């Protein structure tokens, strides 16, 4: 009941798990995000978003984009029982866009591991993955994984 009240008042966002009947065991519990990244940054006395704050900021921009669309779009996250996780999965027009957020200025190939696993699991339904980072370079990090500064996308 309290979670519903917080969600209704836009103080909380519940992000559902992306799950379809596939070969892997998936975690299906929703993730919870707070509603105002700016307040969280102020209270933690940080100037720039990083880690959980950066992920929260990206989520809120994705939610604003989703809510402004005329077409239906769904946002979720993907996590397997063995700990593989993709921060966000955007589903629109029957296609999937996996997004990973890293608070690193220099993303490495290892940062793309779960995006590549997701793409292998969902095949042609999955678009190239996006790895959002805090640096300045835009580059193909691995086959099918584009590393992009978060501030150039949002």
Protein backbone atom coordinates (compact mmCIF):
# COMPACT_ATOMS: atom_id res chain seq x y z
CA UNK A 1 0.00 0.00 0.00
CA UNK A 2 2.81 2.44 0.91
CA UNK A 3 4.75 1.64 -2.25
CA UNK A 4 1.63 2.37 -4.31
CA UNK A 5 1.24 5.72 -2.56
CA UNK A 6 4.89 6.65 -3.20
CA UNK A 7 4.56 5.58 -6.83
CA UNK A 8 1.33 7.55 -7.31
CA UNK A 9 2.98 10.67 -5.91
CA UNK A 10 5.99 10.23 -8.24
CA UNK A 11 8.42 9.70 -5.35
CA UNK A 12 9.15 6.13 -6.39
CA UNK A 13 9.41 4.20 -9.64
CA UNK A 14 9.01 0.43 -9.79
CA UNK A 15 10.84 -1.06 -12.74
CA UNK A 16 9.46 -4.46 -13.77
CA UNK A 17 11.71 -7.31 -14.83
CA UNK A 18 11.79 -8.16 -18.51
CA UNK A 19 10.95 -11.83 -18.72
CA UNK A 20 9.63 -14.13 -21.39
CA UNK A 21 9.79 -17.89 -21.43
CA UNK A 22 13.40 -18.47 -22.37
CA UNK A 23 16.10 -20.97 -21.46
CA UNK A 24 17.52 -19.03 -18.47
CA UNK A 25 16.06 -18.67 -15.00
CA UNK A 26 15.28 -15.01 -14.54
CA UNK A 27 14.68 -12.79 -11.54
CA UNK A 28 11.16 -11.39 -11.81
CA UNK A 29 10.86 -9.06 -8.79
CA UNK A 30 10.65 -5.33 -9.67
CA UNK A 31 13.52 -2.95 -8.89
CA UNK A 32 12.73 0.24 -6.99
CA UNK A 33 14.14 3.68 -7.84
CA UNK A 34 13.62 6.98 -6.02
CA UNK A 35 11.85 9.73 -7.89
CA UNK A 36 14.23 12.68 -7.69
CA UNK A 37 17.87 12.22 -8.61
CA UNK A 38 18.63 15.91 -7.94
CA UNK A 39 17.57 15.66 -4.31
CA UNK A 40 19.58 12.46 -3.87
CA UNK A 41 22.69 14.16 -5.31
CA UNK A 42 22.22 17.16 -3.05
CA UNK A 43 21.75 15.05 0.07
CA UNK A 44 24.85 12.98 -0.75
CA UNK A 45 26.79 16.21 -1.46
CA UNK A 46 27.84 15.08 -4.93
CA UNK A 47 28.20 17.37 -7.93
CA UNK A 48 27.99 14.76 -10.69
CA UNK A 49 25.80 11.67 -10.92
CA UNK A 50 27.65 8.38 -10.64
CA UNK A 51 26.80 4.79 -9.83
CA UNK A 52 23.22 4.38 -8.65
CA UNK A 53 22.49 8.10 -9.16
CA UNK A 54 23.52 7.90 -12.82
CA UNK A 55 21.37 4.80 -13.34
CA UNK A 56 18.45 6.61 -11.65
CA UNK A 57 18.93 9.66 -13.89
CA UNK A 58 18.92 7.49 -17.03
CA UNK A 59 15.76 5.72 -15.87
CA UNK A 60 13.88 8.96 -15.38
CA UNK A 61 14.81 10.21 -18.84
CA UNK A 62 13.69 6.87 -20.31
CA UNK A 63 10.38 7.13 -18.43
CA UNK A 64 9.85 10.70 -19.71
CA UNK A 65 10.60 9.52 -23.27
CA UNK A 66 8.21 6.56 -22.89
CA UNK A 67 5.41 8.71 -21.52
CA UNK A 68 5.75 11.28 -24.34
CA UNK A 69 5.42 8.63 -27.08
CA UNK A 70 2.20 7.88 -28.91
CA UNK A 71 3.32 4.28 -29.54
CA UNK A 72 3.52 1.85 -26.65
CA UNK A 73 6.99 1.31 -25.18
CA UNK A 74 7.88 -0.73 -22.12
CA UNK A 75 10.92 -0.33 -19.88
CA UNK A 76 12.24 -3.09 -17.66
CA UNK A 77 15.46 -4.65 -16.49
CA UNK A 78 16.90 -8.12 -17.08
CA UNK A 79 18.64 -10.26 -14.46
CA UNK A 80 19.35 -13.98 -14.44
CA UNK A 81 19.52 -16.19 -11.37
CA UNK A 82 23.32 -16.38 -11.77
CA UNK A 83 23.74 -12.59 -11.62
CA UNK A 84 23.88 -11.50 -15.26
CA UNK A 85 22.13 -8.14 -15.48
CA UNK A 86 21.23 -5.46 -18.00
CA UNK A 87 20.15 -2.21 -16.36
CA UNK A 88 17.34 -1.38 -18.80
CA UNK A 89 15.52 -3.15 -21.60
CA UNK A 90 13.35 -0.96 -23.81
CA UNK A 91 10.74 -2.87 -25.78
CA UNK A 92 9.01 -1.11 -28.64
CA UNK A 93 7.53 -2.34 -31.91
CA UNK A 94 8.53 -5.91 -31.04
CA UNK A 95 12.23 -5.03 -30.75
CA UNK A 96 14.45 -4.87 -27.67
CA UNK A 97 17.11 -2.27 -26.84
CA UNK A 98 19.38 -3.36 -23.97
CA UNK A 99 21.05 -0.49 -22.08
CA UNK A 100 23.84 -0.76 -19.52
CA UNK A 101 24.93 2.25 -17.43
CA UNK A 102 28.53 2.47 -16.18
CA UNK A 103 29.97 5.26 -14.05
CA UNK A 104 33.30 4.99 -15.83
CA UNK A 105 34.96 7.40 -18.24
CA UNK A 106 36.71 4.54 -20.06
CA UNK A 107 34.42 1.58 -20.63
CA UNK A 108 36.10 -1.78 -21.21
CA UNK A 109 35.04 -4.82 -23.21
CA UNK A 110 34.28 -6.60 -19.93
CA UNK A 111 31.61 -3.94 -19.25
CA UNK A 112 29.73 -5.19 -22.33
CA UNK A 113 29.62 -8.83 -21.21
CA UNK A 114 25.99 -8.88 -20.05
CA UNK A 115 24.80 -6.85 -23.03
CA UNK A 116 26.36 -9.47 -25.29
CA UNK A 117 24.75 -12.28 -23.26
CA UNK A 118 21.36 -10.61 -23.56
CA UNK A 119 21.74 -10.15 -27.31
CA UNK A 120 22.75 -13.78 -27.74
CA UNK A 121 19.72 -14.89 -25.69
CA UNK A 122 17.16 -12.85 -27.63
CA UNK A 123 18.74 -13.06 -31.09
CA UNK A 124 17.41 -10.87 -33.91
CA UNK A 125 14.75 -9.37 -31.64
CA UNK A 126 17.51 -7.50 -29.76
CA UNK A 127 19.06 -4.40 -31.28
CA UNK A 128 22.67 -3.42 -30.73
CA UNK A 129 23.26 -2.75 -27.03
CA UNK A 130 24.00 0.69 -25.61
CA UNK A 131 26.62 1.12 -22.92
CA UNK A 132 26.20 4.59 -21.42
CA UNK A 133 29.30 5.93 -19.66
CA UNK A 134 30.66 9.16 -18.14
CA UNK A 135 33.46 9.70 -20.67
CA UNK A 136 33.54 11.64 -23.94
CA UNK A 137 34.11 8.97 -26.60
CA UNK A 138 31.55 7.33 -28.83
CA UNK A 139 32.83 3.99 -30.12
CA UNK A 140 31.85 0.41 -30.88
CA UNK A 141 33.15 -1.34 -27.78
CA UNK A 142 32.41 -4.87 -28.99
CA UNK A 143 30.41 -6.35 -31.87
CA UNK A 144 26.85 -5.16 -31.34
CA UNK A 145 27.67 -2.87 -28.36
CA UNK A 146 27.95 0.89 -28.80
CA UNK A 147 29.59 2.86 -25.97
CA UNK A 148 28.11 6.36 -25.77
CA UNK A 149 28.52 9.17 -23.23
CA UNK A 150 25.28 9.32 -21.23
CA UNK A 151 24.93 13.05 -21.69
CA UNK A 152 24.90 12.68 -25.52
CA UNK A 153 21.88 10.38 -25.40
CA UNK A 154 19.71 11.98 -22.72
